[in-house]
Amino acid sequence: AALLAGASKTILTIKGRKTILLTLPFAMAILVVSIHYYPHRKGHYQAMSVWREAERWYNFRAYQAAVESSATREIIREMKKILDTDE
């Protein structure tokens, strides 16, 4: 935005006491909205934390199942080799 400031025209300039009178309501609105939505954000981030934890455990279990499945297949393959050579 700072780079474009030199290339664009100023739309509105507010000077003097009007600055405080116009800025203060916006600042108060932002403050009130922030305070009002804080519990919602806190609940949202807590839910996201639980979601990430569950996803991490699911991925870990899926990895463990894949490793066990791979190991089981390898054992079965080796057993077939042994049984085939005995006949």
N, C-alpha and C. Protein backbone atom coordinates (compact mmCIF):
# COMPACT_ATOMS: atom_id res chain seq x y z
N ALA A 1 0.83 -1.18 0.00
CA ALA A 1 0.00 0.00 0.00
C ALA A 1 0.88 1.25 0.00
N ALA A 2 2.01 1.20 0.67
CA ALA A 2 2.87 2.37 0.73
C ALA A 2 3.46 2.69 -0.63
N LEU A 3 3.73 1.68 -1.44
CA LEU A 3 4.28 1.92 -2.77
C LEU A 3 3.26 2.57 -3.69
N LEU A 4 2.00 2.24 -3.51
CA LEU A 4 0.95 2.80 -4.35
C LEU A 4 0.53 4.19 -3.90
N ALA A 5 0.90 4.60 -2.72
CA ALA A 5 0.48 5.90 -2.19
C ALA A 5 0.94 7.05 -3.07
N GLY A 6 2.11 6.95 -3.64
CA GLY A 6 2.60 8.04 -4.48
C GLY A 6 1.92 8.11 -5.83
N ALA A 7 1.33 7.02 -6.27
CA ALA A 7 0.71 6.98 -7.59
C ALA A 7 -0.78 7.27 -7.56
N SER A 8 -1.38 7.33 -6.40
CA SER A 8 -2.83 7.55 -6.33
C SER A 8 -3.15 8.89 -5.68
N LYS A 9 -4.36 9.37 -5.95
CA LYS A 9 -4.80 10.64 -5.37
C LYS A 9 -5.42 10.39 -4.00
N THR A 10 -5.32 11.38 -3.13
CA THR A 10 -5.94 11.29 -1.82
C THR A 10 -7.44 11.48 -1.97
N ILE A 11 -8.20 10.56 -1.44
CA ILE A 11 -9.65 10.64 -1.56
C ILE A 11 -10.24 11.56 -0.49
N LEU A 12 -9.75 11.42 0.74
CA LEU A 12 -10.33 12.16 1.85
C LEU A 12 -9.24 12.49 2.86
N THR A 13 -9.23 13.71 3.31
CA THR A 13 -8.29 14.12 4.35
C THR A 13 -9.09 14.65 5.52
N ILE A 14 -8.85 14.08 6.68
CA ILE A 14 -9.57 14.51 7.88
C ILE A 14 -8.54 15.14 8.82
N LYS A 15 -8.82 16.38 9.21
CA LYS A 15 -7.88 17.10 10.07
C LYS A 15 -8.59 17.61 11.32
N GLY A 16 -7.80 17.90 12.33
CA GLY A 16 -8.30 18.53 13.54
C GLY A 16 -9.10 17.61 14.43
N ARG A 17 -10.13 18.20 15.07
CA ARG A 17 -10.92 17.47 16.05
C ARG A 17 -11.76 16.36 15.39
N LYS A 18 -12.05 16.51 14.11
CA LYS A 18 -12.83 15.49 13.41
C LYS A 18 -12.10 14.15 13.42
N THR A 19 -10.79 14.19 13.40
CA THR A 19 -10.01 12.96 13.40
C THR A 19 -10.34 12.11 14.62
N ILE A 20 -10.32 12.73 15.77
CA ILE A 20 -10.60 12.00 17.01
C ILE A 20 -12.06 11.56 17.04
N LEU A 21 -12.97 12.43 16.64
CA LEU A 21 -14.39 12.10 16.68
C LEU A 21 -14.75 10.97 15.72
N LEU A 22 -14.05 10.84 14.62
CA LEU A 22 -14.33 9.77 13.68
C LEU A 22 -13.54 8.50 13.98
N THR A 23 -12.36 8.65 14.53
CA THR A 23 -11.52 7.49 14.82
C THR A 23 -11.99 6.75 16.07
N LEU A 24 -12.41 7.48 17.06
CA LEU A 24 -12.80 6.87 18.33
C LEU A 24 -13.95 5.86 18.19
N PRO A 25 -15.02 6.14 17.46
CA PRO A 25 -16.07 5.12 17.32
C PRO A 25 -15.57 3.84 16.64
N PHE A 26 -14.73 3.98 15.64
CA PHE A 26 -14.19 2.79 14.98
C PHE A 26 -13.31 1.99 15.92
N ALA A 27 -12.49 2.67 16.69
CA ALA A 27 -11.63 1.98 17.66
C ALA A 27 -12.47 1.28 18.71
N MET A 28 -13.51 1.94 19.19
CA MET A 28 -14.39 1.33 20.19
C MET A 28 -15.13 0.12 19.61
N ALA A 29 -15.57 0.24 18.37
CA ALA A 29 -16.27 -0.87 17.72
C ALA A 29 -15.35 -2.08 17.60
N ILE A 30 -14.11 -1.84 17.19
CA ILE A 30 -13.14 -2.94 17.07
C ILE A 30 -12.89 -3.58 18.43
N LEU A 31 -12.77 -2.76 19.46
CA LEU A 31 -12.55 -3.27 20.81
C LEU A 31 -13.74 -4.10 21.29
N VAL A 32 -14.95 -3.60 21.09
CA VAL A 32 -16.15 -4.32 21.53
C VAL A 32 -16.30 -5.64 20.79
N VAL A 33 -16.09 -5.61 19.48
CA VAL A 33 -16.21 -6.84 18.69
C VAL A 33 -15.15 -7.85 19.12
N SER A 34 -13.93 -7.39 19.38
CA SER A 34 -12.87 -8.29 19.82
C SER A 34 -13.22 -8.95 21.15
N ILE A 35 -13.74 -8.16 22.08
CA ILE A 35 -14.11 -8.71 23.39
C ILE A 35 -15.29 -9.67 23.25
N HIS A 36 -16.26 -9.30 22.41
CA HIS A 36 -17.45 -10.14 22.23
C HIS A 36 -17.10 -11.49 21.62
N TYR A 37 -16.22 -11.52 20.63
CA TYR A 37 -15.93 -12.76 19.93
C TYR A 37 -14.77 -13.56 20.53
N TYR A 38 -14.15 -13.07 21.59
CA TYR A 38 -13.04 -13.80 22.20
C TYR A 38 -13.44 -15.21 22.63
N PRO A 39 -14.58 -15.41 23.34
CA PRO A 39 -14.95 -16.78 23.72
C PRO A 39 -15.17 -17.69 22.51
N HIS A 40 -15.73 -17.12 21.44
CA HIS A 40 -15.94 -17.92 20.23
C HIS A 40 -14.61 -18.36 19.63
N ARG A 41 -13.67 -17.43 19.57
CA ARG A 41 -12.34 -17.77 19.04
C ARG A 41 -11.66 -18.79 19.92
N LYS A 42 -11.78 -18.61 21.23
CA LYS A 42 -11.15 -19.54 22.17
C LYS A 42 -11.72 -20.95 21.97
N GLY A 43 -13.04 -21.04 21.87
CA GLY A 43 -13.67 -22.34 21.63
C GLY A 43 -13.27 -22.93 20.29
N HIS A 44 -13.17 -22.07 19.28
CA HIS A 44 -12.78 -22.54 17.95
C HIS A 44 -11.36 -23.10 17.97
N TYR A 45 -10.43 -22.36 18.58
CA TYR A 45 -9.05 -22.83 18.62
C TYR A 45 -8.91 -24.09 19.47
N GLN A 46 -9.71 -24.21 20.52
CA GLN A 46 -9.68 -25.42 21.34
C GLN A 46 -10.20 -26.61 20.52
N ALA A 47 -11.27 -26.39 19.77
CA ALA A 47 -11.80 -27.46 18.91
C ALA A 47 -10.79 -27.84 17.84
N MET A 48 -10.12 -26.87 17.27
CA MET A 48 -9.10 -27.15 16.25
C MET A 48 -7.94 -27.93 16.85
N SER A 49 -7.59 -27.63 18.09
CA SER A 49 -6.52 -28.36 18.77
C SER A 49 -6.91 -29.82 18.96
N VAL A 50 -8.16 -30.05 19.37
CA VAL A 50 -8.64 -31.42 19.54
C VAL A 50 -8.66 -32.13 18.19
N TRP A 51 -9.09 -31.42 17.15
CA TRP A 51 -9.14 -32.00 15.81
C TRP A 51 -7.75 -32.42 15.34
N ARG A 52 -6.77 -31.52 15.53
CA ARG A 52 -5.39 -31.84 15.11
C ARG A 52 -4.84 -33.03 15.88
N GLU A 53 -5.14 -33.09 17.18
CA GLU A 53 -4.67 -34.20 18.00
C GLU A 53 -5.29 -35.52 17.52
N ALA A 54 -6.59 -35.49 17.23
CA ALA A 54 -7.26 -36.70 16.74
C ALA A 54 -6.70 -37.12 15.39
N GLU A 55 -6.46 -36.14 14.53
CA GLU A 55 -5.91 -36.46 13.20
C GLU A 55 -4.50 -37.05 13.33
N ARG A 56 -3.73 -36.49 14.25
CA ARG A 56 -2.38 -37.00 14.46
C ARG A 56 -2.41 -38.44 14.94
N TRP A 57 -3.30 -38.74 15.90
CA TRP A 57 -3.41 -40.11 16.39
C TRP A 57 -3.93 -41.04 15.30
N TYR A 58 -4.87 -40.57 14.49
CA TYR A 58 -5.38 -41.40 13.40
C TYR A 58 -4.26 -41.72 12.42
N ASN A 59 -3.48 -40.71 12.05
CA ASN A 59 -2.37 -40.94 11.12
C ASN A 59 -1.34 -41.88 11.72
N PHE A 60 -1.08 -41.75 13.03
CA PHE A 60 -0.12 -42.63 13.69
C PHE A 60 -0.62 -44.07 13.65
N ARG A 61 -1.92 -44.26 13.97
CA ARG A 61 -2.47 -45.62 13.94
C ARG A 61 -2.48 -46.17 12.53
N ALA A 62 -2.78 -45.32 11.54
CA ALA A 62 -2.78 -45.78 10.15
C ALA A 62 -1.36 -46.20 9.75
N TYR A 63 -0.37 -45.43 10.20
CA TYR A 63 1.02 -45.78 9.90
C TYR A 63 1.38 -47.11 10.56
N GLN A 64 0.99 -47.26 11.84
CA GLN A 64 1.27 -48.51 12.55
C GLN A 64 0.60 -49.69 11.85
N ALA A 65 -0.65 -49.52 11.42
CA ALA A 65 -1.37 -50.59 10.72
C ALA A 65 -0.67 -50.93 9.41
N ALA A 66 -0.19 -49.91 8.71
CA ALA A 66 0.51 -50.16 7.44
C ALA A 66 1.82 -50.91 7.69
N VAL A 67 2.53 -50.54 8.74
CA VAL A 67 3.78 -51.23 9.07
C VAL A 67 3.50 -52.67 9.44
N GLU A 68 2.47 -52.88 10.27
CA GLU A 68 2.13 -54.25 10.68
C GLU A 68 1.66 -55.07 9.49
N SER A 69 0.88 -54.46 8.61
CA SER A 69 0.40 -55.16 7.42
C SER A 69 1.57 -55.53 6.51
N SER A 70 2.50 -54.61 6.35
CA SER A 70 3.68 -54.86 5.53
C SER A 70 4.52 -55.98 6.14
N ALA A 71 4.69 -55.92 7.46
CA ALA A 71 5.47 -56.96 8.15
C ALA A 71 4.77 -58.30 8.04
N THR A 72 3.45 -58.31 8.17
CA THR A 72 2.69 -59.56 8.05
C THR A 72 2.84 -60.15 6.66
N ARG A 73 2.73 -59.29 5.64
CA ARG A 73 2.90 -59.78 4.26
C ARG A 73 4.29 -60.37 4.05
N GLU A 74 5.28 -59.72 4.63
CA GLU A 74 6.66 -60.20 4.48
C GLU A 74 6.82 -61.56 5.17
N ILE A 75 6.24 -61.73 6.34
CA ILE A 75 6.32 -63.01 7.06
C ILE A 75 5.62 -64.10 6.27
N ILE A 76 4.43 -63.80 5.73
CA ILE A 76 3.70 -64.79 4.93
C ILE A 76 4.51 -65.17 3.70
N ARG A 77 5.13 -64.21 3.06
CA ARG A 77 5.95 -64.48 1.88
C ARG A 77 7.11 -65.41 2.23
N GLU A 78 7.76 -65.13 3.35
CA GLU A 78 8.88 -65.97 3.79
C GLU A 78 8.41 -67.38 4.14
N MET A 79 7.24 -67.47 4.78
CA MET A 79 6.71 -68.79 5.13
C MET A 79 6.37 -69.59 3.88
N LYS A 80 5.83 -68.92 2.86
CA LYS A 80 5.52 -69.61 1.61
C LYS A 80 6.79 -70.13 0.95
N LYS A 81 7.86 -69.33 1.01
CA LYS A 81 9.14 -69.77 0.45
C LYS A 81 9.62 -71.03 1.15
N ILE A 82 9.53 -71.01 2.47
CA ILE A 82 9.98 -72.17 3.26
C ILE A 82 9.14 -73.39 2.94
N LEU A 83 7.82 -73.21 2.89
CA LEU A 83 6.92 -74.33 2.61
C LEU A 83 7.10 -74.86 1.19
N ASP A 84 7.34 -73.97 0.25
CA ASP A 84 7.53 -74.39 -1.14
C ASP A 84 8.83 -75.18 -1.31
N THR A 85 9.86 -74.85 -0.59
CA THR A 85 11.13 -75.55 -0.72
C THR A 85 11.10 -76.92 -0.04
N ASP A 86 10.23 -77.09 0.96
CA ASP A 86 10.14 -78.37 1.66
C ASP A 86 9.44 -79.44 0.83
N GLU A 87 8.57 -79.04 -0.06
CA GLU A 87 7.82 -80.02 -0.86
C GLU A 87 8.65 -80.58 -1.91
